[in-house]
PDB file of N, CA and C in Angstrom:
ATOM      1  N   MET A   1       0.840  -1.187   0.000  1.00  0.00           N
ATOM      2  CA  MET A   1       0.000   0.000   0.000  1.00  0.00           C
ATOM      3  C   MET A   1       0.882   1.246   0.000  1.00  0.00           C
ATOM      4  N   ALA A   2       0.550   2.205  -0.845  1.00  0.00           N
ATOM      5  CA  ALA A   2       1.342   3.428  -0.971  1.00  0.00           C
ATOM      6  C   ALA A   2       1.164   4.324   0.254  1.00  0.00           C
ATOM      7  N   LEU A   3       2.258   4.979   0.638  1.00  0.00           N
ATOM      8  CA  LEU A   3       2.170   5.978   1.704  1.00  0.00           C
ATOM      9  C   LEU A   3       1.454   7.206   1.155  1.00  0.00           C
ATOM     10  N   ARG A   4       0.587   7.773   1.977  1.00  0.00           N
ATOM     11  CA  ARG A   4      -0.226   8.930   1.565  1.00  0.00           C
ATOM     12  C   ARG A   4       0.493  10.214   1.945  1.00  0.00           C
ATOM     13  N   VAL A   5       0.695  11.066   0.943  1.00  0.00           N
ATOM     14  CA  VAL A   5       1.427  12.316   1.124  1.00  0.00           C
ATOM     15  C   VAL A   5       0.455  13.487   1.122  1.00  0.00           C
ATOM     16  N   PHE A   6       0.590  14.327   2.154  1.00  0.00           N
ATOM     17  CA  PHE A   6      -0.133  15.597   2.183  1.00  0.00           C
ATOM     18  C   PHE A   6       0.871  16.655   1.763  1.00  0.00           C
ATOM     19  N   LEU A   7       0.602  17.313   0.639  1.00  0.00           N
ATOM     20  CA  LEU A   7       1.526  18.272   0.033  1.00  0.00           C
ATOM     21  C   LEU A   7       1.060  19.694   0.305  1.00  0.00           C
ATOM     22  N   VAL A   8       1.911  20.473   0.975  1.00  0.00           N
ATOM     23  CA  VAL A   8       1.615  21.877   1.254  1.00  0.00           C
ATOM     24  C   VAL A   8       2.614  22.699   0.450  1.00  0.00           C
ATOM     25  N   GLU A   9       2.181  23.145  -0.722  1.00  0.00           N
ATOM     26  CA  GLU A   9       3.040  23.852  -1.682  1.00  0.00           C
ATOM     27  C   GLU A   9       2.156  24.733  -2.543  1.00  0.00           C
ATOM     28  N   ASP A  10       2.524  26.015  -2.666  1.00  0.00           N
ATOM     29  CA  ASP A  10       1.663  26.928  -3.412  1.00  0.00           C
ATOM     30  C   ASP A  10       2.008  27.049  -4.891  1.00  0.00           C
ATOM     31  N   LEU A  11       3.214  26.711  -5.295  1.00  0.00           N
ATOM     32  CA  LEU A  11       3.600  26.855  -6.696  1.00  0.00           C
ATOM     33  C   LEU A  11       3.199  25.622  -7.495  1.00  0.00           C
ATOM     34  N   GLN A  12       2.379  25.840  -8.511  1.00  0.00           N
ATOM     35  CA  GLN A  12       1.858  24.724  -9.292  1.00  0.00           C
ATOM     36  C   GLN A  12       2.972  23.927  -9.964  1.00  0.00           C
ATOM     37  N   ASN A  13       3.982  24.625 -10.499  1.00  0.00           N
ATOM     38  CA  ASN A  13       5.060  23.882 -11.164  1.00  0.00           C
ATOM     39  C   ASN A  13       5.837  23.024 -10.157  1.00  0.00           C
ATOM     40  N   MET A  14       5.984  23.480  -8.920  1.00  0.00           N
ATOM     41  CA  MET A  14       6.660  22.685  -7.897  1.00  0.00           C
ATOM     42  C   MET A  14       5.777  21.509  -7.471  1.00  0.00           C
ATOM     43  N   GLN A  15       4.462  21.714  -7.432  1.00  0.00           N
ATOM     44  CA  GLN A  15       3.551  20.602  -7.137  1.00  0.00           C
ATOM     45  C   GLN A  15       3.717  19.499  -8.182  1.00  0.00           C
ATOM     46  N   LEU A  16       3.786  19.897  -9.446  1.00  0.00           N
ATOM     47  CA  LEU A  16       3.945  18.913 -10.523  1.00  0.00           C
ATOM     48  C   LEU A  16       5.281  18.192 -10.417  1.00  0.00           C
ATOM     49  N   LEU A  17       6.342  18.932 -10.107  1.00  0.00           N
ATOM     50  CA  LEU A  17       7.653  18.304  -9.953  1.00  0.00           C
ATOM     51  C   LEU A  17       7.658  17.318  -8.786  1.00  0.00           C
ATOM     52  N   LEU A  18       7.012  17.683  -7.691  1.00  0.00           N
ATOM     53  CA  LEU A  18       6.942  16.783  -6.535  1.00  0.00           C
ATOM     54  C   LEU A  18       6.105  15.544  -6.849  1.00  0.00           C
ATOM     55  N   GLN A  19       5.037  15.709  -7.619  1.00  0.00           N
ATOM     56  CA  GLN A  19       4.245  14.545  -8.038  1.00  0.00           C
ATOM     57  C   GLN A  19       5.103  13.592  -8.859  1.00  0.00           C
ATOM     58  N   GLU A  20       5.918  14.159  -9.765  1.00  0.00           N
ATOM     59  CA  GLU A  20       6.814  13.327 -10.572  1.00  0.00           C
ATOM     60  C   GLU A  20       7.849  12.635  -9.688  1.00  0.00           C
ATOM     61  N   LEU A  21       8.369  13.348  -8.705  1.00  0.00           N
ATOM     62  CA  LEU A  21       9.341  12.778  -7.780  1.00  0.00           C
ATOM     63  C   LEU A  21       8.732  11.614  -6.999  1.00  0.00           C
ATOM     64  N   LEU A  22       7.512  11.809  -6.501  1.00  0.00           N
ATOM     65  CA  LEU A  22       6.832  10.748  -5.746  1.00  0.00           C
ATOM     66  C   LEU A  22       6.613   9.516  -6.619  1.00  0.00           C
ATOM     67  N   THR A  23       6.253   9.744  -7.861  1.00  0.00           N
ATOM     68  CA  THR A  23       6.055   8.640  -8.795  1.00  0.00           C
ATOM     69  C   THR A  23       7.369   7.910  -9.046  1.00  0.00           C
ATOM     70  N   ALA A  24       8.443   8.683  -9.231  1.00  0.00           N
ATOM     71  CA  ALA A  24       9.755   8.085  -9.488  1.00  0.00           C
ATOM     72  C   ALA A  24      10.246   7.280  -8.287  1.00  0.00           C
ATOM     73  N   VAL A  25      10.018   7.788  -7.084  1.00  0.00           N
ATOM     74  CA  VAL A  25      10.431   7.072  -5.870  1.00  0.00           C
ATOM     75  C   VAL A  25       9.626   5.794  -5.727  1.00  0.00           C
ATOM     76  N   GLY A  26       8.333   5.889  -5.984  1.00  0.00           N
ATOM     77  CA  GLY A  26       7.443   4.738  -5.862  1.00  0.00           C
ATOM     78  C   GLY A  26       6.979   4.528  -4.432  1.00  0.00           C
ATOM     79  N   GLY A  27       5.817   3.933  -4.288  1.00  0.00           N
ATOM     80  CA  GLY A  27       5.281   3.647  -2.969  1.00  0.00           C
ATOM     81  C   GLY A  27       4.696   4.848  -2.259  1.00  0.00           C
ATOM     82  N   LEU A  28       4.469   5.935  -3.007  1.00  0.00           N
ATOM     83  CA  LEU A  28       3.925   7.174  -2.442  1.00  0.00           C
ATOM     84  C   LEU A  28       2.838   7.707  -3.355  1.00  0.00           C
ATOM     85  N   SER A  29       1.789   8.272  -2.771  1.00  0.00           N
ATOM     86  CA  SER A  29       0.747   8.920  -3.576  1.00  0.00           C
ATOM     87  C   SER A  29       0.250  10.153  -2.833  1.00  0.00           C
ATOM     88  N   ILE A  30      -0.182  11.140  -3.581  1.00  0.00           N
ATOM     89  CA  ILE A  30      -0.676  12.375  -2.966  1.00  0.00           C
ATOM     90  C   ILE A  30      -2.109  12.165  -2.506  1.00  0.00           C
ATOM     91  N   ALA A  31      -2.315  12.331  -1.207  1.00  0.00           N
ATOM     92  CA  ALA A  31      -3.649  12.193  -0.616  1.00  0.00           C
ATOM     93  C   ALA A  31      -4.425  13.489  -0.758  1.00  0.00           C
ATOM     94  N   ALA A  32      -3.721  14.605  -0.619  1.00  0.00           N
ATOM     95  CA  ALA A  32      -4.340  15.931  -0.711  1.00  0.00           C
ATOM     96  C   ALA A  32      -3.232  16.964  -0.809  1.00  0.00           C
ATOM     97  N   SER A  33      -3.633  18.186  -1.186  1.00  0.00           N
ATOM     98  CA  SER A  33      -2.662  19.277  -1.220  1.00  0.00           C
ATOM     99  C   SER A  33      -3.348  20.564  -0.780  1.00  0.00           C
ATOM    100  N   ALA A  34      -2.519  21.501  -0.332  1.00  0.00           N
ATOM    101  CA  ALA A  34      -3.011  22.801   0.103  1.00  0.00           C
ATOM    102  C   ALA A  34      -2.019  23.858  -0.357  1.00  0.00           C
ATOM    103  N   VAL A  35      -2.528  25.072  -0.610  1.00  0.00           N
ATOM    104  CA  VAL A  35      -1.656  26.151  -1.074  1.00  0.00           C
ATOM    105  C   VAL A  35      -1.530  27.292  -0.063  1.00  0.00           C
ATOM    106  N   THR A  36      -2.351  27.250   0.990  1.00  0.00           N
ATOM    107  CA  THR A  36      -2.280  28.280   2.026  1.00  0.00           C
ATOM    108  C   THR A  36      -2.155  27.624   3.399  1.00  0.00           C
ATOM    109  N   GLU A  37      -1.707  28.403   4.364  1.00  0.00           N
ATOM    110  CA  GLU A  37      -1.611  27.909   5.737  1.00  0.00           C
ATOM    111  C   GLU A  37      -2.976  27.509   6.274  1.00  0.00           C
ATOM    112  N   ALA A  38      -3.986  28.338   6.029  1.00  0.00           N
ATOM    113  CA  ALA A  38      -5.335  28.054   6.536  1.00  0.00           C
ATOM    114  C   ALA A  38      -5.891  26.763   5.939  1.00  0.00           C
ATOM    115  N   GLU A  39      -5.714  26.579   4.631  1.00  0.00           N
ATOM    116  CA  GLU A  39      -6.171  25.348   3.971  1.00  0.00           C
ATOM    117  C   GLU A  39      -5.498  24.124   4.571  1.00  0.00           C
ATOM    118  N   ALA A  40      -4.192  24.226   4.775  1.00  0.00           N
ATOM    119  CA  ALA A  40      -3.430  23.101   5.314  1.00  0.00           C
ATOM    120  C   ALA A  40      -3.880  22.760   6.729  1.00  0.00           C
ATOM    121  N   LYS A  41      -4.059  23.768   7.566  1.00  0.00           N
ATOM    122  CA  LYS A  41      -4.497  23.525   8.947  1.00  0.00           C
ATOM    123  C   LYS A  41      -5.882  22.889   8.977  1.00  0.00           C
ATOM    124  N   LEU A  42      -6.789  23.394   8.148  1.00  0.00           N
ATOM    125  CA  LEU A  42      -8.144  22.855   8.096  1.00  0.00           C
ATOM    126  C   LEU A  42      -8.115  21.392   7.657  1.00  0.00           C
ATOM    127  N   TRP A  43      -7.345  21.087   6.607  1.00  0.00           N
ATOM    128  CA  TRP A  43      -7.287  19.715   6.128  1.00  0.00           C
ATOM    129  C   TRP A  43      -6.718  18.797   7.207  1.00  0.00           C
ATOM    130  N   LEU A  44      -5.655  19.237   7.880  1.00  0.00           N
ATOM    131  CA  LEU A  44      -5.063  18.418   8.947  1.00  0.00           C
ATOM    132  C   LEU A  44      -6.059  18.185  10.082  1.00  0.00           C
ATOM    133  N   ASP A  45      -6.830  19.213  10.438  1.00  0.00           N
ATOM    134  CA  ASP A  45      -7.830  19.067  11.496  1.00  0.00           C
ATOM    135  C   ASP A  45      -8.927  18.076  11.112  1.00  0.00           C
ATOM    136  N   GLU A  46      -9.335  18.135   9.843  1.00  0.00           N
ATOM    137  CA  GLU A  46     -10.437  17.294   9.382  1.00  0.00           C
ATOM    138  C   GLU A  46     -10.002  15.886   8.974  1.00  0.00           C
ATOM    139  N   ASN A  47      -8.690  15.697   8.771  1.00  0.00           N
ATOM    140  CA  ASN A  47      -8.187  14.415   8.272  1.00  0.00           C
ATOM    141  C   ASN A  47      -6.944  13.961   9.043  1.00  0.00           C
ATOM    142  N   PRO A  48      -7.045  13.839  10.352  1.00  0.00           N
ATOM    143  CA  PRO A  48      -5.840  13.563  11.147  1.00  0.00           C
ATOM    144  C   PRO A  48      -5.156  12.239  10.834  1.00  0.00           C
ATOM    145  N   ALA A  49      -5.903  11.273  10.330  1.00  0.00           N
ATOM    146  CA  ALA A  49      -5.308   9.959  10.045  1.00  0.00           C
ATOM    147  C   ALA A  49      -5.235   9.661   8.547  1.00  0.00           C
ATOM    148  N   ALA A  50      -5.467  10.652   7.699  1.00  0.00           N
ATOM    149  CA  ALA A  50      -5.541  10.423   6.255  1.00  0.00           C
ATOM    150  C   ALA A  50      -4.213  10.651   5.542  1.00  0.00           C
ATOM    151  N   TRP A  51      -3.128  10.788   6.314  1.00  0.00           N
ATOM    152  CA  TRP A  51      -1.817  11.026   5.697  1.00  0.00           C
ATOM    153  C   TRP A  51      -0.737  10.273   6.465  1.00  0.00           C
ATOM    154  N   ASP A  52       0.331   9.966   5.737  1.00  0.00           N
ATOM    155  CA  ASP A  52       1.491   9.306   6.335  1.00  0.00           C
ATOM    156  C   ASP A  52       2.704  10.225   6.350  1.00  0.00           C
ATOM    157  N   VAL A  53       2.808  11.071   5.323  1.00  0.00           N
ATOM    158  CA  VAL A  53       3.937  11.997   5.191  1.00  0.00           C
ATOM    159  C   VAL A  53       3.386  13.355   4.773  1.00  0.00           C
ATOM    160  N   ALA A  54       3.800  14.402   5.483  1.00  0.00           N
ATOM    161  CA  ALA A  54       3.457  15.769   5.087  1.00  0.00           C
ATOM    162  C   ALA A  54       4.711  16.424   4.533  1.00  0.00           C
ATOM    163  N   VAL A  55       4.614  16.942   3.313  1.00  0.00           N
ATOM    164  CA  VAL A  55       5.708  17.686   2.687  1.00  0.00           C
ATOM    165  C   VAL A  55       5.277  19.148   2.698  1.00  0.00           C
ATOM    166  N   ILE A  56       6.014  19.980   3.449  1.00  0.00           N
ATOM    167  CA  ILE A  56       5.570  21.345   3.712  1.00  0.00           C
ATOM    168  C   ILE A  56       6.602  22.364   3.234  1.00  0.00           C
ATOM    169  N   ASP A  57       6.159  23.291   2.398  1.00  0.00           N
ATOM    170  CA  ASP A  57       6.975  24.442   1.998  1.00  0.00           C
ATOM    171  C   ASP A  57       6.780  25.527   3.054  1.00  0.00           C
ATOM    172  N   LEU A  58       7.768  26.375   3.224  1.00  0.00           N
ATOM    173  CA  LEU A  58       7.655  27.433   4.231  1.00  0.00           C
ATOM    174  C   LEU A  58       6.959  28.679   3.712  1.00  0.00           C
ATOM    175  N   VAL A  59       7.149  29.000   2.430  1.00  0.00           N
ATOM    176  CA  VAL A  59       6.544  30.201   1.845  1.00  0.00           C
ATOM    177  C   VAL A  59       5.316  29.769   1.058  1.00  0.00           C
ATOM    178  N   LEU A  60       4.147  30.199   1.527  1.00  0.00           N
ATOM    179  CA  LEU A  60       2.886  29.794   0.916  1.00  0.00           C
ATOM    180  C   LEU A  60       2.153  30.998   0.345  1.00  0.00           C
ATOM    181  N   GLN A  61       1.107  30.732  -0.420  1.00  0.00           N
ATOM    182  CA  GLN A  61       0.296  31.786  -1.022  1.00  0.00           C
ATOM    183  C   GLN A  61      -0.199  32.763   0.044  1.00  0.00           C
ATOM    184  N   GLU A  62      -0.658  32.232   1.162  1.00  0.00           N
ATOM    185  CA  GLU A  62      -1.065  33.026   2.331  1.00  0.00           C
ATOM    186  C   GLU A  62      -0.577  32.279   3.556  1.00  0.00           C
ATOM    187  N   GLY A  63       0.051  32.992   4.471  1.00  0.00           N
ATOM    188  CA  GLY A  63       0.591  32.357   5.669  1.00  0.00           C
ATOM    189  C   GLY A  63       1.912  31.687   5.367  1.00  0.00           C
ATOM    190  N   SER A  64       2.302  30.755   6.244  1.00  0.00           N
ATOM    191  CA  SER A  64       3.585  30.080   6.044  1.00  0.00           C
ATOM    192  C   SER A  64       3.542  28.656   6.587  1.00  0.00           C
ATOM    193  N   GLY A  65       4.522  27.893   6.160  1.00  0.00           N
ATOM    194  CA  GLY A  65       4.665  26.540   6.658  1.00  0.00           C
ATOM    195  C   GLY A  65       5.000  26.496   8.140  1.00  0.00           C
ATOM    196  N   PHE A  66       5.584  27.578   8.664  1.00  0.00           N
ATOM    197  CA  PHE A  66       5.872  27.637  10.096  1.00  0.00           C
ATOM    198  C   PHE A  66       4.590  27.486  10.917  1.00  0.00           C
ATOM    199  N   GLY A  67       3.478  27.984  10.393  1.00  0.00           N
ATOM    200  CA  GLY A  67       2.197  27.847  11.081  1.00  0.00           C
ATOM    201  C   GLY A  67       1.577  26.470  10.916  1.00  0.00           C
ATOM    202  N   VAL A  68       1.953  25.768   9.854  1.00  0.00           N
ATOM    203  CA  VAL A  68       1.406  24.434   9.588  1.00  0.00           C
ATOM    204  C   VAL A  68       2.117  23.379  10.437  1.00  0.00           C
ATOM    205  N   LEU A  69       3.408  23.558  10.663  1.00  0.00           N
ATOM    206  CA  LEU A  69       4.195  22.548  11.384  1.00  0.00           C
ATOM    207  C   LEU A  69       3.613  22.160  12.745  1.00  0.00           C
ATOM    208  N   PRO A  70       3.263  23.114  13.614  1.00  0.00           N
ATOM    209  CA  PRO A  70       2.711  22.707  14.914  1.00  0.00           C
ATOM    210  C   PRO A  70       1.409  21.919  14.785  1.00  0.00           C
ATOM    211  N   ARG A  71       0.583  22.242  13.782  1.00  0.00           N
ATOM    212  CA  ARG A  71      -0.672  21.528  13.583  1.00  0.00           C
ATOM    213  C   ARG A  71      -0.391  20.100  13.125  1.00  0.00           C
ATOM    214  N   ALA A  72       0.582  19.945  12.233  1.00  0.00           N
ATOM    215  CA  ALA A  72       0.930  18.605  11.755  1.00  0.00           C
ATOM    216  C   ALA A  72       1.608  17.787  12.850  1.00  0.00           C
ATOM    217  N   ARG A  73       2.254  18.465  13.782  1.00  0.00           N
ATOM    218  CA  ARG A  73       2.962  17.781  14.868  1.00  0.00           C
ATOM    219  C   ARG A  73       2.010  16.977  15.752  1.00  0.00           C
ATOM    220  N   ALA A  74       0.737  17.381  15.808  1.00  0.00           N
ATOM    221  CA  ALA A  74      -0.275  16.625  16.575  1.00  0.00           C
ATOM    222  C   ALA A  74      -0.674  15.428  15.728  1.00  0.00           C
ATOM    223  N   ARG A  75       0.195  14.420  15.693  1.00  0.00           N
ATOM    224  CA  ARG A  75       0.067  13.306  14.759  1.00  0.00           C
ATOM    225  C   ARG A  75       0.371  12.001  15.454  1.00  0.00           C
ATOM    226  N   GLY A  76       0.151  10.935  14.717  1.00  0.00           N
ATOM    227  CA  GLY A  76       0.539   9.627  15.217  1.00  0.00           C
ATOM    228  C   GLY A  76       2.036   9.435  15.067  1.00  0.00           C
ATOM    229  N   PRO A  77       2.617   8.506  15.808  1.00  0.00           N
ATOM    230  CA  PRO A  77       4.070   8.311  15.780  1.00  0.00           C
ATOM    231  C   PRO A  77       4.597   7.826  14.426  1.00  0.00           C
ATOM    232  N   GLN A  78       3.735   7.210  13.616  1.00  0.00           N
ATOM    233  CA  GLN A  78       4.178   6.720  12.315  1.00  0.00           C
ATOM    234  C   GLN A  78       4.140   7.815  11.244  1.00  0.00           C
ATOM    235  N   GLN A  79       3.458   8.914  11.492  1.00  0.00           N
ATOM    236  CA  GLN A  79       3.359   9.990  10.519  1.00  0.00           C
ATOM    237  C   GLN A  79       4.626  10.847  10.562  1.00  0.00           C
ATOM    238  N   LYS A  80       5.113  11.228   9.385  1.00  0.00           N
ATOM    239  CA  LYS A  80       6.358  11.976   9.267  1.00  0.00           C
ATOM    240  C   LYS A  80       6.116  13.330   8.603  1.00  0.00           C
ATOM    241  N   ILE A  81       6.928  14.309   9.001  1.00  0.00           N
ATOM    242  CA  ILE A  81       6.833  15.659   8.452  1.00  0.00           C
ATOM    243  C   ILE A  81       8.188  16.039   7.881  1.00  0.00           C
ATOM    244  N   VAL A  82       8.177  16.522   6.650  1.00  0.00           N
ATOM    245  CA  VAL A  82       9.398  17.023   6.024  1.00  0.00           C
ATOM    246  C   VAL A  82       9.137  18.432   5.495  1.00  0.00           C
ATOM    247  N   VAL A  83      10.075  19.325   5.758  1.00  0.00           N
ATOM    248  CA  VAL A  83      10.028  20.678   5.198  1.00  0.00           C
ATOM    249  C   VAL A  83      10.889  20.664   3.949  1.00  0.00           C
ATOM    250  N   PHE A  84      10.342  21.201   2.862  1.00  0.00           N
ATOM    251  CA  PHE A  84      11.049  21.290   1.585  1.00  0.00           C
ATOM    252  C   PHE A  84      10.868  22.712   1.081  1.00  0.00           C
ATOM    253  N   SER A  85      11.905  23.540   1.253  1.00  0.00           N
ATOM    254  CA  SER A  85      11.781  24.969   0.983  1.00  0.00           C
ATOM    255  C   SER A  85      13.063  25.522   0.373  1.00  0.00           C
ATOM    256  N   GLY A  86      12.931  26.618  -0.306  1.00  0.00           N
ATOM    257  CA  GLY A  86      14.081  27.291  -0.898  1.00  0.00           C
ATOM    258  C   GLY A  86      14.754  28.259   0.055  1.00  0.00           C
ATOM    259  N   TYR A  87      14.354  28.283   1.295  1.00  0.00           N
ATOM    260  CA  TYR A  87      14.859  29.273   2.251  1.00  0.00           C
ATOM    261  C   TYR A  87      15.446  28.630   3.493  1.00  0.00           C
ATOM    262  N   ILE A  88      16.187  27.557   3.328  1.00  0.00           N
ATOM    263  CA  ILE A  88      16.725  26.835   4.477  1.00  0.00           C
ATOM    264  C   ILE A  88      18.113  27.358   4.853  1.00  0.00           C
ATOM    265  N   THR A  89      18.237  27.737   6.101  1.00  0.00           N
ATOM    266  CA  THR A  89      19.523  28.064   6.713  1.00  0.00           C
ATOM    267  C   THR A  89      19.650  27.166   7.940  1.00  0.00           C
ATOM    268  N   ASP A  90      20.801  27.198   8.591  1.00  0.00           N
ATOM    269  CA  ASP A  90      20.949  26.391   9.804  1.00  0.00           C
ATOM    270  C   ASP A  90      19.930  26.798  10.864  1.00  0.00           C
ATOM    271  N   ALA A  91      19.701  28.112  10.999  1.00  0.00           N
ATOM    272  CA  ALA A  91      18.745  28.600  12.000  1.00  0.00           C
ATOM    273  C   ALA A  91      17.322  28.159  11.659  1.00  0.00           C
ATOM    274  N   ILE A  92      16.956  28.253  10.397  1.00  0.00           N
ATOM    275  CA  ILE A  92      15.609  27.845   9.984  1.00  0.00           C
ATOM    276  C   ILE A  92      15.448  26.332  10.129  1.00  0.00           C
ATOM    277  N   ARG A  93      16.486  25.579   9.796  1.00  0.00           N
ATOM    278  CA  ARG A  93      16.440  24.122   9.958  1.00  0.00           C
ATOM    279  C   ARG A  93      16.160  23.773  11.427  1.00  0.00           C
ATOM    280  N   GLY A  94      16.898  24.393  12.336  1.00  0.00           N
ATOM    281  CA  GLY A  94      16.702  24.137  13.763  1.00  0.00           C
ATOM    282  C   GLY A  94      15.312  24.520  14.227  1.00  0.00           C
ATOM    283  N   HIS A  95      14.815  25.658  13.737  1.00  0.00           N
ATOM    284  CA  HIS A  95      13.466  26.105  14.115  1.00  0.00           C
ATOM    285  C   HIS A  95      12.413  25.111  13.625  1.00  0.00           C
ATOM    286  N   CYS A  96      12.553  24.640  12.391  1.00  0.00           N
ATOM    287  CA  CYS A  96      11.608  23.659  11.842  1.00  0.00           C
ATOM    288  C   CYS A  96      11.633  22.373  12.660  1.00  0.00           C
ATOM    289  N   GLU A  97      12.818  21.940  13.046  1.00  0.00           N
ATOM    290  CA  GLU A  97      12.921  20.720  13.851  1.00  0.00           C
ATOM    291  C   GLU A  97      12.267  20.911  15.223  1.00  0.00           C
ATOM    292  N   ARG A  98      12.446  22.087  15.812  1.00  0.00           N
ATOM    293  CA  ARG A  98      11.793  22.363  17.105  1.00  0.00           C
ATOM    294  C   ARG A  98      10.273  22.395  16.956  1.00  0.00           C
ATOM    295  N   LEU A  99       9.785  22.793  15.787  1.00  0.00           N
ATOM    296  CA  LEU A  99       8.339  22.834  15.537  1.00  0.00           C
ATOM    297  C   LEU A  99       7.770  21.465  15.166  1.00  0.00           C
ATOM    298  N   GLY A 100       8.637  20.459  14.993  1.00  0.00           N
ATOM    299  CA  GLY A 100       8.138  19.116  14.757  1.00  0.00           C
ATOM    300  C   GLY A 100       8.565  18.436  13.474  1.00  0.00           C
ATOM    301  N   ALA A 101       9.376  19.093  12.643  1.00  0.00           N
ATOM    302  CA  ALA A 101       9.806  18.462  11.387  1.00  0.00           C
ATOM    303  C   ALA A 101      10.751  17.298  11.674  1.00  0.00           C
ATOM    304  N   ASP A 102      10.537  16.188  10.980  1.00  0.00           N
ATOM    305  CA  ASP A 102      11.430  15.033  11.077  1.00  0.00           C
ATOM    306  C   ASP A 102      12.650  15.204  10.184  1.00  0.00           C
ATOM    307  N   ALA A 103      12.495  15.983   9.107  1.00  0.00           N
ATOM    308  CA  ALA A 103      13.590  16.244   8.179  1.00  0.00           C
ATOM    309  C   ALA A 103      13.351  17.602   7.537  1.00  0.00           C
ATOM    310  N   VAL A 104      14.433  18.238   7.109  1.00  0.00           N
ATOM    311  CA  VAL A 104      14.353  19.554   6.473  1.00  0.00           C
ATOM    312  C   VAL A 104      15.316  19.552   5.288  1.00  0.00           C
ATOM    313  N   PHE A 105      14.804  19.889   4.107  1.00  0.00           N
ATOM    314  CA  PHE A 105      15.624  19.926   2.904  1.00  0.00           C
ATOM    315  C   PHE A 105      15.411  21.238   2.159  1.00  0.00           C
ATOM    316  N   ASP A 106      16.492  21.785   1.637  1.00  0.00           N
ATOM    317  CA  ASP A 106      16.403  22.921   0.727  1.00  0.00           C
ATOM    318  C   ASP A 106      15.921  22.388  -0.624  1.00  0.00           C
ATOM    319  N   LYS A 107      15.288  23.230  -1.403  1.00  0.00           N
ATOM    320  CA  LYS A 107      14.782  22.780  -2.697  1.00  0.00           C
ATOM    321  C   LYS A 107      15.895  22.424  -3.675  1.00  0.00           C
ATOM    322  N   THR A 108      17.140  22.751  -3.331  1.00  0.00           N
ATOM    323  CA  THR A 108      18.265  22.303  -4.147  1.00  0.00           C
ATOM    324  C   THR A 108      18.674  20.871  -3.792  1.00  0.00           C
ATOM    325  N   GLU A 109      18.101  20.315  -2.729  1.00  0.00           N
ATOM    326  CA  GLU A 109      18.448  18.980  -2.245  1.00  0.00           C
ATOM    327  C   GLU A 109      17.395  17.936  -2.630  1.00  0.00           C
ATOM    328  N   THR A 110      16.967  17.976  -3.867  1.00  0.00           N
ATOM    329  CA  THR A 110      15.915  17.079  -4.331  1.00  0.00           C
ATOM    330  C   THR A 110      16.333  15.611  -4.232  1.00  0.00           C
ATOM    331  N   VAL A 111      17.585  15.327  -4.535  1.00  0.00           N
ATOM    332  CA  VAL A 111      18.055  13.942  -4.470  1.00  0.00           C
ATOM    333  C   VAL A 111      17.997  13.447  -3.026  1.00  0.00           C
ATOM    334  N   ALA A 112      18.440  14.276  -2.092  1.00  0.00           N
ATOM    335  CA  ALA A 112      18.399  13.892  -0.674  1.00  0.00           C
ATOM    336  C   ALA A 112      16.953  13.672  -0.228  1.00  0.00           C
ATOM    337  N   LEU A 113      16.034  14.550  -0.672  1.00  0.00           N
ATOM    338  CA  LEU A 113      14.616  14.371  -0.340  1.00  0.00           C
ATOM    339  C   LEU A 113      14.105  13.051  -0.898  1.00  0.00           C
ATOM    340  N   SER A 114      14.451  12.747  -2.140  1.00  0.00           N
ATOM    341  CA  SER A 114      13.960  11.501  -2.740  1.00  0.00           C
ATOM    342  C   SER A 114      14.494  10.281  -1.991  1.00  0.00           C
ATOM    343  N   HIS A 115      15.750  10.329  -1.527  1.00  0.00           N
ATOM    344  CA  HIS A 115      16.297   9.215  -0.745  1.00  0.00           C
ATOM    345  C   HIS A 115      15.566   9.093   0.597  1.00  0.00           C
ATOM    346  N   TRP A 116      15.276  10.210   1.232  1.00  0.00           N
ATOM    347  CA  TRP A 116      14.567  10.190   2.514  1.00  0.00           C
ATOM    348  C   TRP A 116      13.167   9.599   2.330  1.00  0.00           C
ATOM    349  N   LEU A 117      12.468  10.051   1.286  1.00  0.00           N
ATOM    350  CA  LEU A 117      11.130   9.526   1.003  1.00  0.00           C
ATOM    351  C   LEU A 117      11.189   8.034   0.675  1.00  0.00           C
ATOM    352  N   ALA A 118      12.191   7.638  -0.097  1.00  0.00           N
ATOM    353  CA  ALA A 118      12.328   6.219  -0.458  1.00  0.00           C
ATOM    354  C   ALA A 118      12.542   5.363   0.790  1.00  0.00           C
ATOM    355  N   SER A 119      13.270   5.897   1.768  1.00  0.00           N
ATOM    356  CA  SER A 119      13.512   5.141   2.999  1.00  0.00           C
ATOM    357  C   SER A 119      12.215   4.921   3.778  1.00  0.00           C
ATOM    358  N   LEU A 120      11.267   5.846   3.635  1.00  0.00           N
ATOM    359  CA  LEU A 120       9.954   5.687   4.277  1.00  0.00           C
ATOM    360  C   LEU A 120       9.071   4.724   3.501  1.00  0.00           C
ATOM    361  N   ALA A 121       9.119   4.840   2.180  1.00  0.00           N
ATOM    362  CA  ALA A 121       8.249   4.035   1.324  1.00  0.00           C
ATOM    363  C   ALA A 121       8.676   2.577   1.278  1.00  0.00           C
ATOM    364  N   LYS A 122       9.966   2.336   1.446  1.00  0.00           N
ATOM    365  CA  LYS A 122      10.503   0.980   1.372  1.00  0.00           C
ATOM    366  C   LYS A 122      11.390   0.734   2.573  1.00  0.00           C
ATOM    367  N   PRO A 123      10.787   0.598   3.766  1.00  0.00           N
ATOM    368  CA  PRO A 123      11.606   0.403   4.954  1.00  0.00           C
ATOM    369  C   PRO A 123      12.429  -0.881   4.888  1.00  0.00           C
ATOM    370  N   ALA A 124      13.599  -0.803   5.517  1.00  0.00           N
ATOM    371  CA  ALA A 124      14.522  -1.950   5.503  1.00  0.00           C
ATOM    372  C   ALA A 124      14.003  -3.085   6.354  1.00  0.00           C
TER     373      ALA A 124
END
């Protein structure tokens, strides 16, 4: 059974690239997506068990991924959160981890993200 991904990303071209990445990795499918902080929080509230992995960008159409992280953190132990953003610094990485992210990748680290996702989709 494929892991269900909740995608929080406002740029349509990045959504398409992430869909292609998930397909290439295998064992992952998009359960839902949101483009704003409010949309993401509402979906998480209404669907607490409908996702296995949340992929969250920090810069959204309205609001930010920083506001989504604490909401996603109220999750089951098997659910994972990854931040995938173009604005990662050491300080931002640490802040995301304190807010509940299991992993943090800059958008230039697509290969590292795909390996991390593959490790979830195909556990050893």
